[in-house]
C-alpha cells in the first residue's frame, strides 16, 4: 500500500499543474478585462459629466 499510494497521487498531480496554470491565466485575463472595462466606464461617465 505504501508503494502503490505515491504513484497514483503523482499521476493525479501532474495533469493538475497545467490546469491550475490555465485557471490562473484565465482569472488574470478576466480581472484585466474587468479593470479595463471599469476604467473605460469611468472615462465615459467623466466625459458625459464634462459635456452636460
N, C-alpha and C. Protein backbone atom coordinates (compact mmCIF):
# COMPACT_ATOMS: atom_id res chain seq x y z
N UNK A 1 0.84 -1.21 0.00
CA UNK A 1 0.00 0.00 0.00
C UNK A 1 0.88 1.27 0.00
N UNK A 2 1.95 1.24 0.82
CA UNK A 2 2.84 2.39 0.87
C UNK A 2 3.55 2.62 -0.45
N UNK A 3 3.79 1.52 -1.21
CA UNK A 3 4.48 1.65 -2.51
C UNK A 3 3.49 2.09 -3.58
N UNK A 4 2.23 1.60 -3.49
CA UNK A 4 1.23 1.89 -4.53
C UNK A 4 0.63 3.27 -4.40
N UNK A 5 0.60 3.82 -3.19
CA UNK A 5 -0.12 5.08 -2.99
C UNK A 5 0.59 6.30 -3.57
N UNK A 6 1.94 6.41 -3.56
CA UNK A 6 2.55 7.60 -4.16
C UNK A 6 2.37 7.69 -5.68
N UNK A 7 2.32 6.54 -6.36
CA UNK A 7 2.24 6.56 -7.83
C UNK A 7 0.94 7.19 -8.34
N UNK A 8 -0.24 6.80 -7.84
CA UNK A 8 -1.48 7.43 -8.33
C UNK A 8 -1.54 8.92 -7.98
N UNK A 9 -1.05 9.27 -6.79
CA UNK A 9 -1.10 10.68 -6.41
C UNK A 9 -0.21 11.51 -7.34
N UNK A 10 0.94 10.94 -7.72
CA UNK A 10 1.84 11.64 -8.63
C UNK A 10 1.18 11.77 -10.01
N UNK A 11 0.50 10.70 -10.43
CA UNK A 11 -0.19 10.72 -11.73
C UNK A 11 -1.35 11.72 -11.68
N UNK A 12 -2.00 11.83 -10.52
CA UNK A 12 -3.09 12.80 -10.38
C UNK A 12 -2.55 14.23 -10.36
N UNK A 13 -1.38 14.38 -9.72
CA UNK A 13 -0.84 15.73 -9.51
C UNK A 13 -0.29 16.33 -10.80
N UNK A 14 0.28 15.49 -11.65
CA UNK A 14 0.96 16.01 -12.84
C UNK A 14 -0.01 16.73 -13.80
N UNK A 15 -1.17 16.15 -14.14
CA UNK A 15 -2.07 16.86 -15.07
C UNK A 15 -2.70 18.11 -14.46
N UNK A 16 -2.71 18.22 -13.13
CA UNK A 16 -3.35 19.37 -12.50
C UNK A 16 -2.54 20.65 -12.67
N UNK A 17 -1.23 20.52 -12.87
CA UNK A 17 -0.37 21.71 -12.93
C UNK A 17 -0.75 22.61 -14.13
N UNK A 18 -0.84 22.08 -15.36
CA UNK A 18 -1.24 22.94 -16.49
C UNK A 18 -2.64 23.50 -16.30
N UNK A 19 -3.54 22.69 -15.72
CA UNK A 19 -4.92 23.15 -15.49
C UNK A 19 -4.93 24.33 -14.52
N UNK A 20 -4.14 24.20 -13.44
CA UNK A 20 -4.06 25.30 -12.47
C UNK A 20 -3.47 26.54 -13.12
N UNK A 21 -2.42 26.35 -13.94
CA UNK A 21 -1.81 27.48 -14.64
C UNK A 21 -2.84 28.14 -15.55
N UNK A 22 -3.62 27.33 -16.26
CA UNK A 22 -4.64 27.86 -17.16
C UNK A 22 -5.70 28.64 -16.41
N UNK A 23 -6.12 28.13 -15.25
CA UNK A 23 -7.15 28.81 -14.48
C UNK A 23 -6.62 30.13 -13.94
N UNK A 24 -5.34 30.14 -13.55
CA UNK A 24 -4.73 31.39 -13.05
C UNK A 24 -4.67 32.41 -14.19
N UNK A 25 -4.28 31.95 -15.38
CA UNK A 25 -4.22 32.83 -16.55
C UNK A 25 -5.61 33.37 -16.86
N UNK A 26 -6.62 32.49 -16.78
CA UNK A 26 -8.00 32.90 -17.06
C UNK A 26 -8.45 33.96 -16.07
N UNK A 27 -8.15 33.73 -14.78
CA UNK A 27 -8.54 34.70 -13.75
C UNK A 27 -7.84 36.03 -13.99
N UNK A 28 -6.54 35.98 -14.32
CA UNK A 28 -5.78 37.20 -14.58
C UNK A 28 -6.36 37.94 -15.78
N UNK A 29 -6.69 37.19 -16.85
CA UNK A 29 -7.26 37.79 -18.06
C UNK A 29 -8.61 38.42 -17.74
N UNK A 30 -9.44 37.70 -16.97
CA UNK A 30 -10.77 38.21 -16.62
C UNK A 30 -10.66 39.48 -15.78
N UNK A 31 -9.73 39.48 -14.82
CA UNK A 31 -9.57 40.65 -13.95
C UNK A 31 -9.04 41.83 -14.77
N UNK A 32 -8.12 41.56 -15.71
CA UNK A 32 -7.58 42.62 -16.56
C UNK A 32 -8.70 43.23 -17.41
N UNK A 33 -9.54 42.36 -17.99
CA UNK A 33 -10.67 42.83 -18.80
C UNK A 33 -11.62 43.66 -17.94
N UNK A 34 -11.88 43.18 -16.71
CA UNK A 34 -12.77 43.90 -15.79
C UNK A 34 -12.22 45.27 -15.44
N UNK A 35 -10.91 45.34 -15.18
CA UNK A 35 -10.29 46.61 -14.82
C UNK A 35 -10.36 47.58 -16.00
N UNK A 36 -10.05 47.08 -17.20
CA UNK A 36 -10.11 47.93 -18.41
C UNK A 36 -11.53 48.42 -18.63
N UNK A 37 -12.52 47.52 -18.43
CA UNK A 37 -13.93 47.89 -18.60
C UNK A 37 -14.32 48.98 -17.60
N UNK A 38 -13.90 48.82 -16.34
CA UNK A 38 -14.23 49.81 -15.31
C UNK A 38 -13.60 51.16 -15.63
N UNK A 39 -12.34 51.15 -16.08
CA UNK A 39 -11.65 52.40 -16.42
C UNK A 39 -12.37 53.07 -17.59
N UNK A 40 -12.73 52.27 -18.60
CA UNK A 40 -13.45 52.81 -19.75
C UNK A 40 -14.78 53.41 -19.33
N UNK A 41 -15.48 52.72 -18.43
CA UNK A 41 -16.77 53.21 -17.94
C UNK A 41 -16.58 54.54 -17.21
N UNK A 42 -15.54 54.62 -16.38
CA UNK A 42 -15.27 55.86 -15.64
C UNK A 42 -14.94 57.00 -16.60
N UNK A 43 -14.17 56.70 -17.65
CA UNK A 43 -13.82 57.72 -18.64
C UNK A 43 -15.07 58.21 -19.36
N UNK A 44 -15.94 57.28 -19.75
CA UNK A 44 -17.18 57.65 -20.45
C UNK A 44 -18.06 58.51 -19.55
N UNK A 45 -18.20 58.10 -18.28
CA UNK A 45 -19.02 58.88 -17.33
C UNK A 45 -18.41 60.27 -17.13
N UNK A 46 -17.08 60.32 -17.02
CA UNK A 46 -16.40 61.60 -16.85
C UNK A 46 -16.63 62.52 -18.05
N UNK A 47 -16.56 61.96 -19.25
CA UNK A 47 -16.78 62.75 -20.46
C UNK A 47 -18.22 63.25 -20.51
N UNK A 48 -19.16 62.39 -20.14
CA UNK A 48 -20.57 62.80 -20.13
C UNK A 48 -20.79 63.92 -19.12
N UNK A 49 -20.14 63.84 -17.97
CA UNK A 49 -20.26 64.89 -16.95
C UNK A 49 -19.71 66.21 -17.49
N UNK A 50 -18.59 66.13 -18.24
CA UNK A 50 -17.98 67.34 -18.80
C UNK A 50 -18.89 67.95 -19.86
N UNK A 51 -19.51 67.08 -20.69
CA UNK A 51 -20.33 67.57 -21.80
C UNK A 51 -21.60 68.24 -21.27
N UNK A 52 -22.27 67.55 -20.32
CA UNK A 52 -23.56 68.08 -19.84
C UNK A 52 -23.39 68.99 -18.63
